[in-house]
Amino acid sequence: MTRALGSLLLVAAAGAFSVGAAPAGQARAATPLGQVVPAPASVEAGTSPYRITRDTRIRVDDSREARRIGAYLADILRPSTGYRLPLTTHGHGGIQLRLGKGPFGTEGYRLDSGSKRVTITAREPAGLFHGVQTLRQLLPAAVEKDTVQPGPWLVAGGTVQDSPRYAYRGAMLDVSRHFFTVTQVKRYIDELALYKINKLHLHLSDDQGWRIAINSWPRLATYGGSTQVGGGTGGYYTKADYQEIVRYAASRYLEVVPEIDMPGHTNAALASYAELNCNGVAPPLYTGTNVGFSSLCVPKEVTYSFLDDVIRELAAITPGRYLHIGGDEAHSTSHDDYVKFMDRVQPIVAKYGKTVIGWHQLTGASPAKGALAQYWGLDGTSAAEKAQVARAAQNGTGLILSPADRIYLDMKYTKDTPLGLSWAGYVEVQRAYDWDPGAYLPGAPASSVRGVEAPLWSETIVNSAHIDYMAFPRLPGVAELGWSPASTHDWDTYKVRLAAQGPRWDALGIGYYRSPQVPWPSS
């Protein structure tokens, strides 16, 4: 089956740009099944394509989830096709969304396409939703527009059987250095969903801003959230705001992973409450970009009362499994204090029913049973530091891989990139894609890798246009590393599939970096 997919990808390469506007008098070809991103696990080409027409119905089984996903699909297709596309639970033909038994896992699906119908089958709603994302990419890019387009709306014939390599496929958005509104976060969620990302990690606190309301410590948000890098007005999420983000993410089958960074990266909290400081004196608010200078007071009991309140309130409005406790760049905390701190805090997370995630410095303490360590080092990080993380992985700590010189989306593409930083180097599109998470960290068992996550830190990122430019075109490659089998991993075929995404981003209004490494369509 892998060989069949490889052949289809070569077919895609040969006809990569047939999905654009066809010359006058010529029919537009259907997008080859294997041309989507992330690459499917297996593809079998068929013969006749399916054509969406004004008579097409979206047929769903009688479950609330299938109806909701069907309505989501209809909302995408109606503006550009101009067709009614009514939802129905009866009849045959058309576009069918079915929940049923099968070897799909929790996120897998099968897509069958022929002249009479397209059927997406999954065991769980998440798989059905991911199948819809594949269907979107099999249609012409113009399907994403909000005005009627000429079509035709063809789906290549054949079968896709698909499921993810890793269960954790994440993207992090730093809302602390610069604040992003609920609407801006929702926009990013929609972009992540198109590529089957299933975790949204929100970095909710840092030196420059505290972004989530905590009832028992109200000044965290009202004062600690009142500014941002460069001295802007900042902002914060009310609990209702946060729950709206969580709800919206869930509707796109993303789980929100909230992060409260500790014991460092805490100046916004320390400025809000003097008693959290060892000397009892609140420092001023901070709007710069230096790191490593702040620390919660490890010996004070109020520190743990404070964190118990924060974690309790945040856990209560977070239905997902994980709570991220940061733990990076705690340069103002001694090693002994760091270990003591983590020994106190991790049980609080468990007390409120959540699983700990921490940056990989957590492995310098004693990670709790079931905890995940998020590796953000570089290819050139010291062997000793890598060995520390590998030992934890050998002892049962799961790993999320976010190597900064590979998939930090805030790194500049080249020296001329107008946004971003370069402390980890320049990260062009091929570099972000061309590595294997399962073999990346020496000594770490492949089975310890739970997945990948692409962080976007916001020192220089202030609006959605900035997010889009730094995330695209690198984000889809990270999504493919997390979803697709290692056997499909090939830069030469991937860059062609990636190039075919350009017109879709144009249709969606996503302004992206036109990397010279990618053969973008000329029109």
Protein backbone atom coordinates (compact mmCIF):
# COMPACT_ATOMS: atom_id res chain seq x y z
CA MET A 1 0.00 0.00 0.00
CA THR A 2 2.92 2.31 0.70
CA ARG A 3 4.19 1.67 -2.83
CA ALA A 4 0.77 2.62 -4.19
CA LEU A 5 0.81 5.86 -2.23
CA GLY A 6 4.28 6.69 -3.48
CA SER A 7 3.12 6.21 -7.06
CA LEU A 8 0.14 8.42 -6.46
CA LEU A 9 2.34 11.12 -4.99
CA LEU A 10 4.47 11.03 -8.13
CA VAL A 11 1.28 11.37 -10.16
CA ALA A 12 0.46 14.35 -7.96
CA ALA A 13 3.87 15.82 -8.69
CA ALA A 14 3.35 15.45 -12.41
CA GLY A 15 -0.04 17.13 -12.29
CA ALA A 16 0.50 19.35 -9.31
CA PHE A 17 -1.01 22.45 -10.72
CA SER A 18 -4.01 20.95 -12.50
CA VAL A 19 -6.17 22.11 -9.60
CA GLY A 20 -6.04 25.74 -10.61
CA ALA A 21 -8.07 27.53 -13.25
CA ALA A 22 -8.29 25.40 -16.37
CA PRO A 23 -7.60 26.85 -19.81
CA ALA A 24 -10.69 27.83 -21.77
CA GLY A 25 -12.49 24.81 -23.20
CA GLN A 26 -10.67 22.29 -20.97
CA ALA A 27 -12.14 20.48 -17.98
CA ARG A 28 -10.43 20.90 -14.64
CA ALA A 29 -8.87 17.65 -13.46
CA ALA A 30 -9.68 16.19 -10.05
CA THR A 31 -6.98 16.50 -7.42
CA PRO A 32 -5.20 13.12 -7.02
CA LEU A 33 -6.16 11.41 -3.75
CA GLY A 34 -2.57 11.32 -2.52
CA GLN A 35 -1.93 15.03 -2.99
CA VAL A 36 -3.38 16.14 0.34
CA VAL A 37 -1.45 17.30 3.42
CA PRO A 38 -0.84 15.44 5.70
CA ALA A 39 -0.15 12.47 3.41
CA PRO A 40 -2.72 9.71 3.96
CA ALA A 41 -1.68 6.36 5.38
CA SER A 42 -2.82 4.51 2.25
CA VAL A 43 -4.45 5.38 -1.07
CA GLU A 44 -5.95 3.25 -3.83
CA ALA A 45 -6.79 5.07 -7.02
CA GLY A 46 -10.18 4.45 -8.60
CA THR A 47 -11.70 5.38 -11.91
CA SER A 48 -14.64 7.75 -12.15
CA PRO A 49 -14.65 10.84 -9.95
CA TYR A 50 -17.63 12.08 -7.99
CA ARG A 51 -19.09 15.43 -9.01
CA ILE A 52 -20.90 17.72 -6.58
CA THR A 53 -23.92 19.28 -8.30
CA ARG A 54 -27.01 21.26 -7.36
CA ASP A 55 -28.74 17.93 -6.68
CA THR A 56 -26.13 16.73 -4.19
CA ARG A 57 -27.31 15.94 -0.66
CA ILE A 58 -25.17 15.53 2.45
CA ARG A 59 -26.41 12.32 4.03
CA VAL A 60 -25.64 11.71 7.69
CA ASP A 61 -26.55 8.99 10.13
CA ASP A 62 -28.92 9.83 12.93
CA SER A 63 -26.32 10.97 15.46
CA ARG A 64 -25.83 14.47 16.77
CA GLU A 65 -22.11 14.39 15.97
CA ALA A 66 -22.57 13.33 12.36
CA ARG A 67 -25.27 15.98 11.85
CA ARG A 68 -23.00 18.65 13.30
CA ILE A 69 -20.07 17.64 11.10
CA GLY A 70 -22.39 17.52 8.10
CA ALA A 71 -23.57 21.05 8.87
CA TYR A 72 -19.94 22.18 9.16
CA LEU A 73 -19.18 20.68 5.73
CA ALA A 74 -22.26 22.30 4.21
CA ASP A 75 -21.21 25.69 5.61
CA ILE A 76 -17.88 25.33 3.78
CA LEU A 77 -19.34 24.16 0.47
CA ARG A 78 -22.46 26.30 0.06
CA PRO A 79 -20.93 29.78 -0.47
CA SER A 80 -18.53 28.71 -3.23
CA THR A 81 -20.72 26.17 -5.03
CA GLY A 82 -23.96 28.10 -4.69
CA TYR A 83 -25.75 24.78 -4.05
CA ARG A 84 -28.28 24.12 -1.27
CA LEU A 85 -26.65 20.84 -0.18
CA PRO A 86 -29.40 19.92 2.29
CA LEU A 87 -28.68 17.54 5.14
CA THR A 88 -30.71 14.35 5.19
CA THR A 89 -30.70 11.01 6.99
CA HIS A 90 -32.37 9.17 4.11
CA GLY A 91 -31.50 7.86 0.67
CA HIS A 92 -28.30 6.93 -1.12
CA GLY A 93 -25.71 8.77 -3.15
CA GLY A 94 -24.32 12.23 -2.57
CA ILE A 95 -21.85 12.88 0.23
CA GLN A 96 -22.33 10.40 3.06
CA LEU A 97 -20.91 10.76 6.58
CA ARG A 98 -21.17 7.58 8.65
CA LEU A 99 -20.11 6.53 12.11
CA GLY A 100 -19.57 2.80 12.17
CA LYS A 101 -17.45 -0.09 13.32
CA GLY A 102 -14.06 -0.62 11.79
CA PRO A 103 -10.30 -0.55 12.40
CA PHE A 104 -10.17 3.24 12.42
CA GLY A 105 -9.02 4.03 15.94
CA THR A 106 -10.21 7.23 17.60
CA GLU A 107 -9.13 9.57 14.77
CA GLY A 108 -8.93 7.44 11.64
CA TYR A 109 -11.36 7.31 8.73
CA ARG A 110 -11.96 5.81 5.31
CA LEU A 111 -12.98 7.91 2.30
CA ASP A 112 -14.52 6.09 -0.67
CA SER A 113 -15.21 8.04 -3.85
CA GLY A 114 -16.90 6.96 -7.06
CA SER A 115 -19.27 8.30 -9.67
CA LYS A 116 -22.38 7.98 -7.48
CA ARG A 117 -21.18 9.04 -4.05
CA VAL A 118 -18.42 10.02 -1.65
CA THR A 119 -18.60 8.18 1.68
CA ILE A 120 -16.56 9.02 4.77
CA THR A 121 -16.70 6.38 7.49
CA ALA A 122 -15.16 6.57 10.96
CA ARG A 123 -15.56 4.96 14.34
CA GLU A 124 -15.45 8.25 16.24
CA PRO A 125 -16.58 11.79 15.39
CA ALA A 126 -12.97 13.06 15.34
CA GLY A 127 -12.19 10.65 12.52
CA LEU A 128 -15.24 11.79 10.58
CA PHE A 129 -14.13 15.40 10.98
CA HIS A 130 -10.60 14.60 9.79
CA GLY A 131 -12.07 12.85 6.77
CA VAL A 132 -13.97 16.03 5.96
CA GLN A 133 -10.68 17.94 5.97
CA THR A 134 -9.31 15.49 3.41
CA LEU A 135 -12.43 15.96 1.30
CA ARG A 136 -11.93 19.74 1.40
CA GLN A 137 -8.41 19.38 0.03
CA LEU A 138 -9.58 17.04 -2.73
CA LEU A 139 -11.86 19.78 -4.04
CA PRO A 140 -10.51 22.79 -5.96
CA ALA A 141 -9.02 25.55 -3.81
CA ALA A 142 -11.83 27.87 -4.89
CA VAL A 143 -14.16 25.86 -2.67
CA GLU A 144 -12.79 27.90 0.24
CA LYS A 145 -14.05 31.21 -1.17
CA ASP A 146 -17.14 32.94 0.19
CA THR A 147 -18.62 33.84 -3.20
CA VAL A 148 -20.01 31.57 -5.92
CA GLN A 149 -17.28 30.04 -8.11
CA PRO A 150 -17.65 28.23 -11.47
CA GLY A 151 -16.49 24.74 -10.49
CA PRO A 152 -16.65 21.92 -11.56
CA TRP A 153 -16.49 20.30 -8.10
CA LEU A 154 -14.83 16.93 -8.69
CA VAL A 155 -13.54 14.41 -6.13
CA ALA A 156 -11.14 11.85 -7.58
CA GLY A 157 -12.31 8.25 -7.49
CA GLY A 158 -10.71 5.75 -5.15
CA THR A 159 -10.21 4.98 -1.49
CA VAL A 160 -8.23 6.66 1.28
CA GLN A 161 -7.69 4.76 4.51
CA ASP A 162 -6.08 6.95 7.10
CA SER A 163 -5.13 7.22 10.75
CA PRO A 164 -2.49 9.22 12.64
CA ARG A 165 1.04 8.16 13.51
CA TYR A 166 0.92 10.07 16.82
CA ALA A 167 -1.96 10.84 19.16
CA TYR A 168 -0.52 14.26 20.11
CA ARG A 169 -0.27 16.75 17.25
CA GLY A 170 -0.09 20.23 18.66
CA ALA A 171 0.44 23.90 18.02
CA MET A 172 1.21 26.43 20.75
CA LEU A 173 0.15 30.06 20.67
CA ASP A 174 1.87 32.47 23.06
CA VAL A 175 -0.83 34.92 24.13
CA SER A 176 1.33 36.32 26.95
CA ARG A 177 4.03 38.29 25.10
CA HIS A 178 1.27 39.74 22.93
CA PHE A 179 -2.42 39.21 23.63
CA PHE A 180 -4.71 37.73 20.98
CA THR A 181 -8.48 38.07 21.08
CA VAL A 182 -10.95 35.21 21.13
CA THR A 183 -11.71 35.89 17.46
CA GLN A 184 -8.03 35.72 16.53
CA VAL A 185 -7.58 32.45 18.42
CA LYS A 186 -10.64 30.97 16.69
CA ARG A 187 -9.17 31.88 13.32
CA TYR A 188 -5.99 29.99 14.17
CA ILE A 189 -8.03 27.01 15.39
CA ASP A 190 -9.72 26.79 11.99
CA GLU A 191 -6.35 26.87 10.26
CA LEU A 192 -5.00 24.13 12.52
CA ALA A 193 -8.06 21.94 11.96
CA LEU A 194 -7.51 21.89 8.19
CA TYR A 195 -4.28 19.95 8.81
CA LYS A 196 -5.64 17.58 11.48
CA ILE A 197 -3.84 19.25 14.41
CA ASN A 198 -5.61 18.08 17.59
CA LYS A 199 -4.03 20.08 20.44
CA LEU A 200 -4.01 23.85 21.01
CA HIS A 201 -1.48 24.75 23.69
CA LEU A 202 -2.18 28.24 25.07
CA HIS A 203 0.73 29.90 26.87
CA LEU A 204 -1.41 31.89 29.32
CA SER A 205 1.17 33.45 31.64
CA ASP A 206 4.64 34.88 31.42
CA ASP A 207 6.71 37.83 32.58
CA GLN A 208 4.89 40.19 30.22
CA GLY A 209 1.28 39.26 30.91
CA TRP A 210 -1.20 37.05 32.75
CA ARG A 211 -4.07 36.20 30.43
CA ILE A 212 -6.68 34.17 32.34
CA ALA A 213 -9.06 35.43 35.02
CA ILE A 214 -8.62 33.73 38.40
CA ASN A 215 -11.44 34.67 40.80
CA SER A 216 -9.44 34.06 43.97
CA TRP A 217 -6.53 36.22 42.73
CA PRO A 218 -8.24 38.86 40.56
CA ARG A 219 -5.26 41.21 40.13
CA LEU A 220 -3.45 38.55 38.10
CA ALA A 221 -5.64 39.43 35.12
CA THR A 222 -6.67 43.02 35.78
CA TYR A 223 -3.17 44.23 36.67
CA GLY A 224 -0.83 41.44 35.51
CA GLY A 225 -2.65 41.28 32.19
CA SER A 226 -2.69 45.02 31.59
CA THR A 227 0.33 45.22 29.31
CA GLN A 228 2.46 43.26 26.83
CA VAL A 229 5.78 43.39 25.01
CA GLY A 230 6.47 46.95 23.97
CA GLY A 231 4.02 48.41 26.48
CA GLY A 232 0.69 47.90 24.71
CA THR A 233 -2.60 47.54 26.55
CA GLY A 234 -2.49 43.75 26.80
CA GLY A 235 -5.69 42.01 27.78
CA TYR A 236 -6.98 38.81 29.33
CA TYR A 237 -9.63 36.15 28.90
CA THR A 238 -12.58 36.06 31.25
CA LYS A 239 -13.56 32.54 32.18
CA ALA A 240 -16.41 32.83 29.69
CA ASP A 241 -13.92 33.86 26.99
CA TYR A 242 -11.68 30.91 27.76
CA GLN A 243 -14.62 28.51 27.77
CA GLU A 244 -15.69 29.87 24.38
CA ILE A 245 -12.21 29.10 23.02
CA VAL A 246 -12.38 25.61 24.56
CA ARG A 247 -15.86 25.03 23.08
CA TYR A 248 -14.85 26.25 19.64
CA ALA A 249 -11.69 24.15 19.66
CA ALA A 250 -13.73 21.10 20.66
CA SER A 251 -16.06 21.71 17.72
CA ARG A 252 -12.96 21.33 15.51
CA TYR A 253 -11.74 18.33 17.54
CA LEU A 254 -8.87 20.17 19.17
CA GLU A 255 -8.17 19.85 22.89
CA VAL A 256 -6.98 22.99 24.65
CA VAL A 257 -3.85 22.55 26.78
CA PRO A 258 -3.50 25.56 29.10
CA GLU A 259 -0.06 26.55 30.39
CA ILE A 260 0.76 28.47 33.54
CA ASP A 261 4.55 28.83 33.40
CA MET A 262 6.36 28.31 36.72
CA PRO A 263 8.48 28.82 38.77
CA GLY A 264 10.15 31.21 36.31
CA HIS A 265 8.50 33.42 33.68
CA THR A 266 6.33 34.74 36.51
CA ASN A 267 6.92 38.49 36.68
CA ALA A 268 3.29 39.33 35.81
CA ALA A 269 2.14 37.33 38.85
CA LEU A 270 4.89 38.70 41.10
CA ALA A 271 3.98 42.26 40.10
CA SER A 272 0.32 41.59 40.88
CA TYR A 273 0.81 40.25 44.42
CA ALA A 274 3.70 41.34 46.63
CA GLU A 275 3.31 38.35 48.96
CA LEU A 276 4.41 35.98 46.17
CA ASN A 277 7.90 37.52 46.31
CA CYS A 278 10.48 36.29 48.81
CA ASN A 279 11.18 39.88 49.89
CA GLY A 280 7.50 40.85 49.97
CA VAL A 281 8.05 43.62 47.40
CA ALA A 282 6.22 43.54 44.07
CA PRO A 283 8.43 44.31 41.06
CA PRO A 284 7.17 46.60 38.30
CA LEU A 285 5.32 45.23 35.30
CA TYR A 286 7.66 44.10 32.55
CA THR A 287 7.37 44.75 28.82
CA GLY A 288 10.78 43.61 27.56
CA THR A 289 11.86 40.26 26.13
CA ASN A 290 14.66 39.05 28.41
CA VAL A 291 14.12 35.72 30.18
CA GLY A 292 15.24 33.92 33.30
CA PHE A 293 15.09 36.75 35.85
CA SER A 294 11.85 35.93 37.72
CA SER A 295 10.93 33.19 40.18
CA LEU A 296 8.14 32.33 42.52
CA CYS A 297 9.32 32.05 46.15
CA VAL A 298 9.87 28.34 46.65
CA PRO A 299 10.13 28.38 50.51
CA LYS A 300 6.88 30.33 51.08
CA GLU A 301 3.70 28.34 51.72
CA VAL A 302 1.63 31.08 50.09
CA THR A 303 3.21 30.06 46.79
CA TYR A 304 1.49 26.68 46.95
CA SER A 305 -1.81 28.10 48.19
CA PHE A 306 -1.67 30.44 45.22
CA LEU A 307 -0.90 27.66 42.76
CA ASP A 308 -3.58 25.41 44.27
CA ASP A 309 -6.15 28.13 43.62
CA VAL A 310 -4.91 28.82 40.08
CA ILE A 311 -4.75 25.15 39.09
CA ARG A 312 -8.11 24.38 40.70
CA GLU A 313 -9.88 27.19 38.87
CA LEU A 314 -8.19 26.51 35.55
CA ALA A 315 -8.75 22.75 35.73
CA ALA A 316 -12.45 23.33 36.43
CA ILE A 317 -12.92 25.08 33.07
CA THR A 318 -10.57 22.81 31.08
CA PRO A 319 -12.23 19.56 30.00
CA GLY A 320 -9.04 18.25 28.38
CA ARG A 321 -6.62 15.85 29.97
CA TYR A 322 -3.53 18.04 30.29
CA LEU A 323 -2.29 21.06 32.24
CA HIS A 324 1.10 22.49 31.32
CA ILE A 325 3.23 23.82 34.18
CA GLY A 326 6.10 25.27 32.12
CA GLY A 327 9.33 24.84 34.03
CA ASP A 328 11.74 26.28 31.47
CA GLU A 329 14.43 28.93 31.90
CA ALA A 330 14.10 29.02 35.70
CA HIS A 331 17.56 30.57 35.95
CA SER A 332 16.73 32.47 39.14
CA THR A 333 15.70 29.26 40.93
CA SER A 334 18.42 27.02 42.35
CA HIS A 335 18.43 23.38 41.27
CA ASP A 336 17.49 22.20 44.75
CA ASP A 337 14.62 24.68 44.93
CA TYR A 338 13.48 23.68 41.45
CA VAL A 339 13.27 20.03 42.46
CA LYS A 340 11.41 20.92 45.67
CA PHE A 341 9.03 23.12 43.73
CA MET A 342 8.16 20.47 41.15
CA ASP A 343 7.70 17.88 43.93
CA ARG A 344 5.09 20.20 45.46
CA VAL A 345 3.31 21.35 42.30
CA GLN A 346 2.88 18.13 40.32
CA PRO A 347 0.64 16.53 42.98
CA ILE A 348 -1.59 19.63 42.87
CA VAL A 349 -2.15 19.07 39.15
CA ALA A 350 -3.04 15.43 39.84
CA LYS A 351 -5.32 16.48 42.69
CA TYR A 352 -7.52 18.33 40.21
CA GLY A 353 -7.62 15.47 37.73
CA LYS A 354 -5.09 16.63 35.17
CA THR A 355 -1.91 15.17 33.68
CA VAL A 356 1.28 17.22 33.88
CA ILE A 357 3.11 18.50 30.84
CA GLY A 358 6.29 20.48 31.38
CA TRP A 359 9.09 21.77 29.22
CA HIS A 360 11.95 19.27 29.13
CA GLN A 361 13.74 20.89 32.07
CA LEU A 362 11.16 19.00 34.15
CA THR A 363 13.34 15.92 33.59
CA GLY A 364 15.96 17.57 35.84
CA ALA A 365 13.52 16.98 38.71
CA SER A 366 11.30 13.89 39.10
CA PRO A 367 8.50 13.87 36.51
CA ALA A 368 5.23 12.56 37.92
CA LYS A 369 3.93 9.21 36.72
CA GLY A 370 2.29 9.76 33.35
CA ALA A 371 3.80 13.23 32.87
CA LEU A 372 4.94 14.40 29.45
CA ALA A 373 8.14 16.36 28.83
CA GLN A 374 8.17 18.80 25.91
CA TYR A 375 11.63 18.93 24.34
CA TRP A 376 12.52 22.33 22.90
CA GLY A 377 16.29 21.96 22.56
CA LEU A 378 18.30 22.19 19.37
CA ASP A 379 20.11 19.71 17.17
CA GLY A 380 23.23 21.08 18.86
CA THR A 381 21.99 20.94 22.46
CA SER A 382 24.58 19.32 24.74
CA ALA A 383 24.76 15.55 24.88
CA ALA A 384 24.33 15.70 28.66
CA GLU A 385 21.04 17.59 28.42
CA LYS A 386 19.74 15.26 25.73
CA ALA A 387 20.80 12.25 27.81
CA GLN A 388 18.84 13.59 30.80
CA VAL A 389 15.69 13.73 28.71
CA ALA A 390 16.39 10.31 27.19
CA ARG A 391 16.81 8.75 30.65
CA ALA A 392 13.44 10.13 31.71
CA ALA A 393 11.92 8.69 28.53
CA GLN A 394 13.51 5.31 29.27
CA ASN A 395 11.91 5.47 32.71
CA GLY A 396 8.42 6.07 31.34
CA THR A 397 8.11 9.82 30.76
CA GLY A 398 6.43 10.50 27.43
CA LEU A 399 7.92 13.07 25.05
CA ILE A 400 6.46 15.81 22.91
CA LEU A 401 9.05 17.00 20.40
CA SER A 402 9.33 20.74 19.65
CA PRO A 403 12.98 21.24 18.66
CA ALA A 404 13.42 25.00 18.40
CA ASP A 405 15.68 24.93 15.35
CA ARG A 406 13.17 22.75 13.53
CA ILE A 407 9.61 23.72 14.42
CA TYR A 408 9.59 26.91 16.47
CA LEU A 409 7.34 28.93 14.18
CA ASP A 410 8.68 32.22 15.55
CA MET A 411 12.13 31.58 14.11
CA LYS A 412 12.95 33.63 11.01
CA TYR A 413 12.96 31.77 7.71
CA THR A 414 16.05 33.69 6.55
CA LYS A 415 18.02 36.71 7.70
CA ASP A 416 15.64 38.90 5.68
CA THR A 417 12.41 37.70 7.35
CA PRO A 418 10.74 40.84 8.76
CA LEU A 419 9.25 39.04 11.77
CA GLY A 420 10.53 36.57 14.31
CA LEU A 421 13.74 35.79 16.15
CA SER A 422 16.89 33.89 15.20
CA TRP A 423 18.45 32.68 18.47
CA ALA A 424 17.86 29.06 17.35
CA GLY A 425 18.95 29.81 13.80
CA TYR A 426 17.02 30.28 10.58
CA VAL A 427 14.33 27.70 9.87
CA GLU A 428 13.37 27.35 6.23
CA VAL A 429 10.53 25.08 5.14
CA GLN A 430 12.65 22.03 4.29
CA ARG A 431 14.44 22.17 7.65
CA ALA A 432 11.11 22.28 9.49
CA TYR A 433 9.92 19.18 7.63
CA ASP A 434 12.98 17.04 7.04
CA TRP A 435 13.45 15.16 10.32
CA ASP A 436 11.93 12.11 11.97
CA PRO A 437 10.36 12.54 15.44
CA GLY A 438 10.70 8.83 16.16
CA ALA A 439 14.49 8.89 15.76
CA TYR A 440 15.30 12.47 16.73
CA LEU A 441 16.47 12.25 20.35
CA PRO A 442 19.40 9.85 20.91
CA GLY A 443 18.63 7.17 23.49
CA ALA A 444 14.91 7.96 23.73
CA PRO A 445 12.78 4.94 22.81
CA ALA A 446 10.62 5.57 19.75
CA SER A 447 7.68 4.38 21.85
CA SER A 448 8.21 7.28 24.28
CA VAL A 449 7.40 9.86 21.60
CA ARG A 450 3.76 10.91 21.97
CA GLY A 451 3.91 13.42 19.16
CA VAL A 452 5.01 16.85 18.01
CA GLU A 453 4.07 20.44 18.68
CA ALA A 454 4.87 23.66 16.81
CA PRO A 455 5.20 26.61 19.23
CA LEU A 456 4.64 30.17 18.06
CA TRP A 457 6.12 32.62 20.54
CA SER A 458 4.92 36.19 20.14
CA GLU A 459 7.74 38.60 20.96
CA THR A 460 7.35 40.03 17.43
CA ILE A 461 3.90 38.66 16.56
CA VAL A 462 1.01 41.09 17.12
CA ASN A 463 -1.87 40.15 14.79
CA SER A 464 -3.40 37.37 12.70
CA ALA A 465 -1.47 38.36 9.59
CA HIS A 466 1.76 37.82 11.53
CA ILE A 467 0.53 34.44 12.79
CA ASP A 468 -0.31 33.35 9.25
CA TYR A 469 3.02 34.47 7.79
CA MET A 470 5.10 32.63 10.38
CA ALA A 471 2.94 29.48 10.53
CA PHE A 472 2.51 29.02 6.80
CA PRO A 473 4.01 27.16 5.06
CA ARG A 474 5.82 25.45 7.99
CA LEU A 475 2.83 24.36 10.05
CA PRO A 476 1.46 21.82 7.53
CA GLY A 477 4.84 20.07 7.55
CA VAL A 478 4.70 19.70 11.33
CA ALA A 479 1.16 18.37 10.99
CA GLU A 480 2.42 15.79 8.50
CA LEU A 481 5.23 14.73 10.84
CA GLY A 482 2.59 14.08 13.48
CA TRP A 483 -0.02 12.40 11.29
CA SER A 484 1.56 10.55 8.37
CA PRO A 485 3.45 7.24 8.42
CA ALA A 486 7.23 7.62 8.39
CA SER A 487 7.24 5.68 5.10
CA THR A 488 5.52 8.60 3.32
CA HIS A 489 8.14 11.09 4.46
CA ASP A 490 9.89 12.53 1.41
CA TRP A 491 10.76 16.19 0.83
CA ASP A 492 10.67 16.00 -2.97
CA THR A 493 7.08 14.78 -3.10
CA TYR A 494 6.00 16.77 -0.05
CA LYS A 495 7.10 20.12 -1.48
CA VAL A 496 4.87 19.53 -4.52
CA ARG A 497 1.86 18.72 -2.34
CA LEU A 498 2.68 21.76 -0.21
CA ALA A 499 2.87 24.00 -3.27
CA ALA A 500 -0.65 22.94 -4.22
CA GLN A 501 -1.86 24.35 -0.89
CA GLY A 502 -0.88 27.88 -1.94
CA PRO A 503 -4.07 28.62 -3.91
CA ARG A 504 -6.13 27.30 -0.99
CA TRP A 505 -4.41 29.73 1.38
CA ASP A 506 -5.04 32.50 -1.11
CA ALA A 507 -8.73 31.59 -1.15
CA LEU A 508 -8.82 31.52 2.66
CA GLY A 509 -7.06 34.86 2.98
CA ILE A 510 -3.96 33.34 4.61
CA GLY A 511 -0.90 35.43 3.77
CA TYR A 512 2.07 33.08 3.69
CA TYR A 513 5.83 33.13 3.09
CA ARG A 514 6.53 32.12 -0.50
CA SER A 515 9.62 30.08 0.21
CA PRO A 516 11.94 29.65 -2.79
CA GLN A 517 12.31 26.02 -1.73
CA VAL A 518 8.71 25.30 -2.79
CA PRO A 519 7.52 25.21 -6.45
CA TRP A 520 4.49 27.46 -5.97
CA PRO A 521 2.01 27.78 -8.85
CA SER A 522 2.88 30.73 -11.08
CA SER A 523 -0.68 32.08 -11.05
